[in-house]
Amino acid sequence: MPVRGSKRCAPLGAGYEFTYPAAWLADRTVAERRAAAGERARSLDPPSLSAGVGSSSPSSPPLPDSAFGPPDTAGETNVSVVVAPIMAGFTLAASLGPPREGLEKYLRTVIAPPGSPREALSLAASERVDASGTPYYTWEYRVVGPGFDRTNVSCLAARAVVRPPGPPSRAAPPNATPRLELVTLNAQAPTADFERAGGKLREALREAATSFLVKERVQGRTGL
């Protein structure tokens, strides 16, 4: 049920949760892109935040795991979550640097590298730590490209993928290092809508990022 105008997304077994505006629906555009996974050229989402920051496959960014947006729109306004594998030993602080430094590196290497038709502007960067000690980086930035001008509020965290309880397998002994994933929430809207007087959409996107929480995922258990 909606609480103060928001709903909670917590897919069973996915190991993350966040809130989004109660009037929003599962994003049909994202669902269609997942059904046609090979067609990435006209994606409305920015490249995965895992690209260039530890992804094992930066040239093939994964599609969103879940996404919601206003009804009857083309998907330019939405909140989505991307889950991607990252290299062993990855941490936000050690691998990206401080929040602002990490954001600026991401913008110049992934979103708007030299020669790209996009321009990107860093707006804000911060860090928080949840009750379990997991750190999160929240980045706010603007991207302008051919035919679009969009503002994004993104929140990212690294988490372990642990083995399910049971007898150890030969492939993965009980003392094996858990695999890691980067879980990224991205909330986006056209900049004109984001900056509209009253700020309801802006606050909704920021609230989604603030509410974002992740935890360890048990291998083989997913919300998909």
Protein backbone atom coordinates (compact mmCIF):
# COMPACT_ATOMS: atom_id res chain seq x y z
CA MET A 1 0.00 0.00 0.00
CA PRO A 2 1.18 3.55 -0.71
CA VAL A 3 2.68 5.37 2.26
CA ARG A 4 2.82 9.17 2.03
CA GLY A 5 2.45 8.96 -1.74
CA SER A 6 5.14 6.33 -2.27
CA LYS A 7 5.28 2.59 -2.91
CA ARG A 8 8.11 0.23 -1.99
CA CYS A 9 9.87 -2.02 -4.48
CA ALA A 10 11.55 -5.05 -2.87
CA PRO A 11 11.68 -7.94 -5.38
CA LEU A 12 11.78 -11.34 -3.69
CA GLY A 13 15.35 -12.60 -3.50
CA ALA A 14 16.83 -9.61 -5.32
CA GLY A 15 18.47 -8.11 -2.23
CA TYR A 16 17.54 -4.47 -2.71
CA GLU A 17 14.66 -2.09 -2.03
CA PHE A 18 13.63 1.48 -2.75
CA THR A 19 10.56 3.69 -2.89
CA TYR A 20 8.97 5.32 -5.93
CA PRO A 21 5.88 7.51 -6.52
CA ALA A 22 2.67 5.57 -5.93
CA ALA A 23 1.16 6.62 -9.27
CA TRP A 24 4.06 5.16 -11.26
CA LEU A 25 3.84 1.81 -13.03
CA ALA A 26 6.33 -0.84 -14.03
CA ASP A 27 8.20 0.80 -16.90
CA ARG A 28 6.91 -0.68 -20.14
CA THR A 29 9.79 0.72 -22.16
CA VAL A 30 12.33 -1.07 -19.99
CA ALA A 31 10.31 -4.30 -20.12
CA GLU A 32 10.27 -4.16 -23.90
CA ARG A 33 14.01 -3.55 -24.00
CA ARG A 34 14.58 -6.57 -21.76
CA ALA A 35 12.49 -8.67 -24.13
CA ALA A 36 14.63 -7.48 -27.04
CA ALA A 37 17.97 -7.49 -25.23
CA GLY A 38 20.02 -7.18 -28.39
CA GLU A 39 18.64 -3.75 -29.29
CA ARG A 40 20.67 -1.32 -27.19
CA ALA A 41 21.51 1.47 -29.62
CA ARG A 42 18.55 3.69 -28.71
CA SER A 43 18.54 3.03 -24.96
CA LEU A 44 16.95 5.81 -22.90
CA ASP A 45 19.09 5.01 -19.86
CA PRO A 46 22.68 6.17 -19.42
CA PRO A 47 25.39 3.48 -19.64
CA SER A 48 25.59 1.20 -16.64
CA LEU A 49 27.41 2.71 -13.71
CA SER A 50 29.43 -0.50 -13.60
CA ALA A 51 31.03 0.29 -16.95
CA GLY A 52 34.51 1.55 -16.34
CA VAL A 53 34.35 1.08 -12.55
CA GLY A 54 35.10 -2.61 -12.18
CA SER A 55 32.65 -4.35 -14.51
CA SER A 56 33.79 -7.65 -15.91
CA SER A 57 32.09 -6.70 -19.20
CA PRO A 58 32.04 -2.92 -19.63
CA SER A 59 31.18 -3.15 -23.34
CA SER A 60 27.91 -4.98 -22.62
CA PRO A 61 26.02 -3.02 -19.94
CA PRO A 62 23.18 -5.01 -18.40
CA LEU A 63 19.57 -4.00 -18.76
CA PRO A 64 17.67 -2.81 -15.67
CA ASP A 65 16.57 -5.43 -13.16
CA SER A 66 13.46 -3.37 -12.34
CA ALA A 67 12.10 0.00 -13.39
CA PHE A 68 9.09 2.25 -12.77
CA GLY A 69 7.86 5.40 -14.43
CA PRO A 70 4.81 7.61 -14.95
CA PRO A 71 2.05 6.01 -17.04
CA ASP A 72 1.77 6.91 -20.73
CA THR A 73 5.33 8.18 -21.14
CA ALA A 74 8.24 7.14 -23.36
CA GLY A 75 10.49 6.18 -20.46
CA GLU A 76 12.48 9.41 -20.20
CA THR A 77 11.34 9.76 -16.59
CA ASN A 78 11.89 6.65 -14.49
CA VAL A 79 13.68 5.01 -11.61
CA SER A 80 15.51 1.77 -12.34
CA VAL A 81 17.98 -0.64 -10.76
CA VAL A 82 20.89 -2.27 -12.57
CA VAL A 83 22.81 -5.21 -11.07
CA ALA A 84 26.21 -6.02 -12.55
CA PRO A 85 29.20 -8.18 -11.57
CA ILE A 86 32.34 -6.35 -10.48
CA MET A 87 35.93 -7.38 -9.90
CA ALA A 88 37.06 -8.98 -6.65
CA GLY A 89 38.23 -6.48 -4.06
CA PHE A 90 36.09 -3.63 -5.36
CA THR A 91 35.04 -0.99 -2.85
CA LEU A 92 33.57 2.43 -3.53
CA ALA A 93 36.30 4.30 -1.69
CA ALA A 94 39.29 2.34 -2.96
CA SER A 95 38.07 1.84 -6.53
CA LEU A 96 36.34 5.17 -7.21
CA GLY A 97 37.90 7.56 -4.72
CA PRO A 98 35.81 10.11 -2.78
CA PRO A 99 32.21 10.61 -4.03
CA ARG A 100 32.87 13.76 -6.09
CA GLU A 101 36.05 12.34 -7.61
CA GLY A 102 34.25 9.12 -8.51
CA LEU A 103 31.39 11.01 -10.16
CA GLU A 104 33.69 13.19 -12.24
CA LYS A 105 35.67 10.13 -13.36
CA TYR A 106 32.45 8.34 -14.33
CA LEU A 107 31.19 11.32 -16.32
CA ARG A 108 34.41 11.81 -18.29
CA THR A 109 35.08 8.11 -18.96
CA VAL A 110 31.60 6.59 -19.33
CA ILE A 111 28.90 9.20 -19.89
CA ALA A 112 30.75 11.84 -21.91
CA PRO A 113 34.23 10.64 -22.91
CA PRO A 114 36.31 12.72 -25.35
CA GLY A 115 34.69 12.71 -28.77
CA SER A 116 31.24 11.84 -27.39
CA PRO A 117 28.23 13.87 -28.57
CA ARG A 118 27.20 14.14 -24.93
CA GLU A 119 28.11 16.77 -22.37
CA ALA A 120 27.91 16.03 -18.66
CA LEU A 121 27.85 18.29 -15.62
CA SER A 122 28.54 17.16 -12.05
CA LEU A 123 25.92 18.65 -9.69
CA ALA A 124 26.32 16.94 -6.30
CA ALA A 125 27.98 13.93 -4.70
CA SER A 126 27.68 12.47 -1.21
CA GLU A 127 28.19 9.30 0.83
CA ARG A 128 26.04 7.58 3.44
CA VAL A 129 26.38 4.35 5.40
CA ASP A 130 23.42 2.17 6.35
CA ALA A 131 22.82 0.36 9.66
CA SER A 132 24.74 -2.71 8.45
CA GLY A 133 27.81 -0.64 7.57
CA THR A 134 27.30 -0.73 3.79
CA PRO A 135 28.47 2.51 2.12
CA TYR A 136 26.51 4.19 -0.68
CA TYR A 137 27.52 6.93 -3.10
CA THR A 138 24.78 9.28 -4.33
CA TRP A 139 25.54 11.24 -7.49
CA GLU A 140 23.47 13.98 -9.10
CA TYR A 141 24.44 15.01 -12.62
CA ARG A 142 23.10 16.47 -15.85
CA VAL A 143 23.62 14.98 -19.30
CA VAL A 144 22.95 16.87 -22.54
CA GLY A 145 23.09 15.12 -25.89
CA PRO A 146 21.54 15.21 -29.32
CA GLY A 147 17.83 15.68 -28.71
CA PHE A 148 17.81 15.33 -24.92
CA ASP A 149 18.70 17.15 -21.70
CA ARG A 150 18.34 14.92 -18.64
CA THR A 151 19.14 15.11 -14.93
CA ASN A 152 20.01 11.93 -13.05
CA VAL A 153 20.12 11.06 -9.36
CA SER A 154 22.04 7.81 -8.93
CA CYS A 155 22.88 5.75 -5.86
CA LEU A 156 25.29 2.83 -5.93
CA ALA A 157 26.57 0.19 -3.53
CA ALA A 158 28.65 -2.97 -3.72
CA ARG A 159 27.41 -6.24 -2.22
CA ALA A 160 28.46 -9.88 -1.94
CA VAL A 161 26.76 -12.84 -3.61
CA VAL A 162 26.97 -15.66 -1.09
CA ARG A 163 26.56 -19.41 -1.52
CA PRO A 164 23.27 -20.94 -0.37
CA PRO A 165 23.43 -23.11 2.74
CA GLY A 166 24.24 -26.74 2.06
CA PRO A 167 27.18 -29.05 1.32
CA PRO A 168 30.14 -27.35 -0.37
CA SER A 169 30.68 -28.00 -4.07
CA ARG A 170 33.98 -28.81 -5.71
CA ALA A 171 33.72 -25.65 -7.79
CA ALA A 172 33.26 -23.36 -4.79
CA PRO A 173 34.86 -24.45 -1.50
CA PRO A 174 33.32 -23.05 1.69
CA ASN A 175 36.16 -20.54 2.14
CA ALA A 176 35.87 -19.18 -1.42
CA THR A 177 35.76 -15.39 -1.74
CA PRO A 178 32.15 -14.30 -2.44
CA ARG A 179 31.43 -12.80 -5.85
CA LEU A 180 30.67 -9.08 -5.84
CA GLU A 181 27.98 -7.07 -7.56
CA LEU A 182 27.50 -3.35 -8.05
CA VAL A 183 23.84 -2.46 -7.49
CA THR A 184 22.91 0.92 -8.94
CA LEU A 185 19.67 2.85 -8.64
CA ASN A 186 19.25 5.52 -11.31
CA ALA A 187 16.41 8.05 -11.14
CA GLN A 188 16.13 10.34 -14.14
CA ALA A 189 13.94 12.97 -15.76
CA PRO A 190 14.19 15.64 -18.45
CA THR A 191 15.98 18.58 -16.87
CA ALA A 192 13.05 20.94 -17.53
CA ASP A 193 10.77 18.63 -15.53
CA PHE A 194 13.37 18.07 -12.82
CA GLU A 195 13.77 21.83 -12.29
CA ARG A 196 10.06 22.70 -12.54
CA ALA A 197 8.78 25.04 -9.85
CA GLY A 198 7.41 23.17 -6.84
CA GLY A 199 10.03 20.45 -7.10
CA LYS A 200 7.72 17.43 -6.60
CA LEU A 201 9.46 15.34 -9.24
CA ARG A 202 12.91 16.41 -8.08
CA GLU A 203 12.12 15.42 -4.51
CA ALA A 204 10.61 12.10 -5.62
CA LEU A 205 13.78 11.16 -7.49
CA ARG A 206 15.98 12.20 -4.58
CA GLU A 207 13.76 10.25 -2.18
CA ALA A 208 14.16 7.12 -4.32
CA ALA A 209 17.95 7.44 -4.04
CA THR A 210 17.81 8.13 -0.30
CA SER A 211 15.55 5.11 0.31
CA PHE A 212 17.76 2.71 -1.66
CA LEU A 213 19.11 -0.20 0.42
CA VAL A 214 21.00 -3.34 -0.58
CA LYS A 215 22.02 -6.51 1.22
CA GLU A 216 23.88 -9.73 0.41
CA ARG A 217 22.23 -11.83 -2.26
CA VAL A 218 22.14 -15.62 -2.01
CA GLN A 219 23.51 -17.18 -5.20
CA GLY A 220 20.74 -18.53 -7.40
CA ARG A 221 18.02 -16.54 -5.66
CA THR A 222 16.77 -13.55 -7.62
CA GLY A 223 13.63 -11.52 -8.10
CA LEU A 224 13.72 -12.04 -11.85
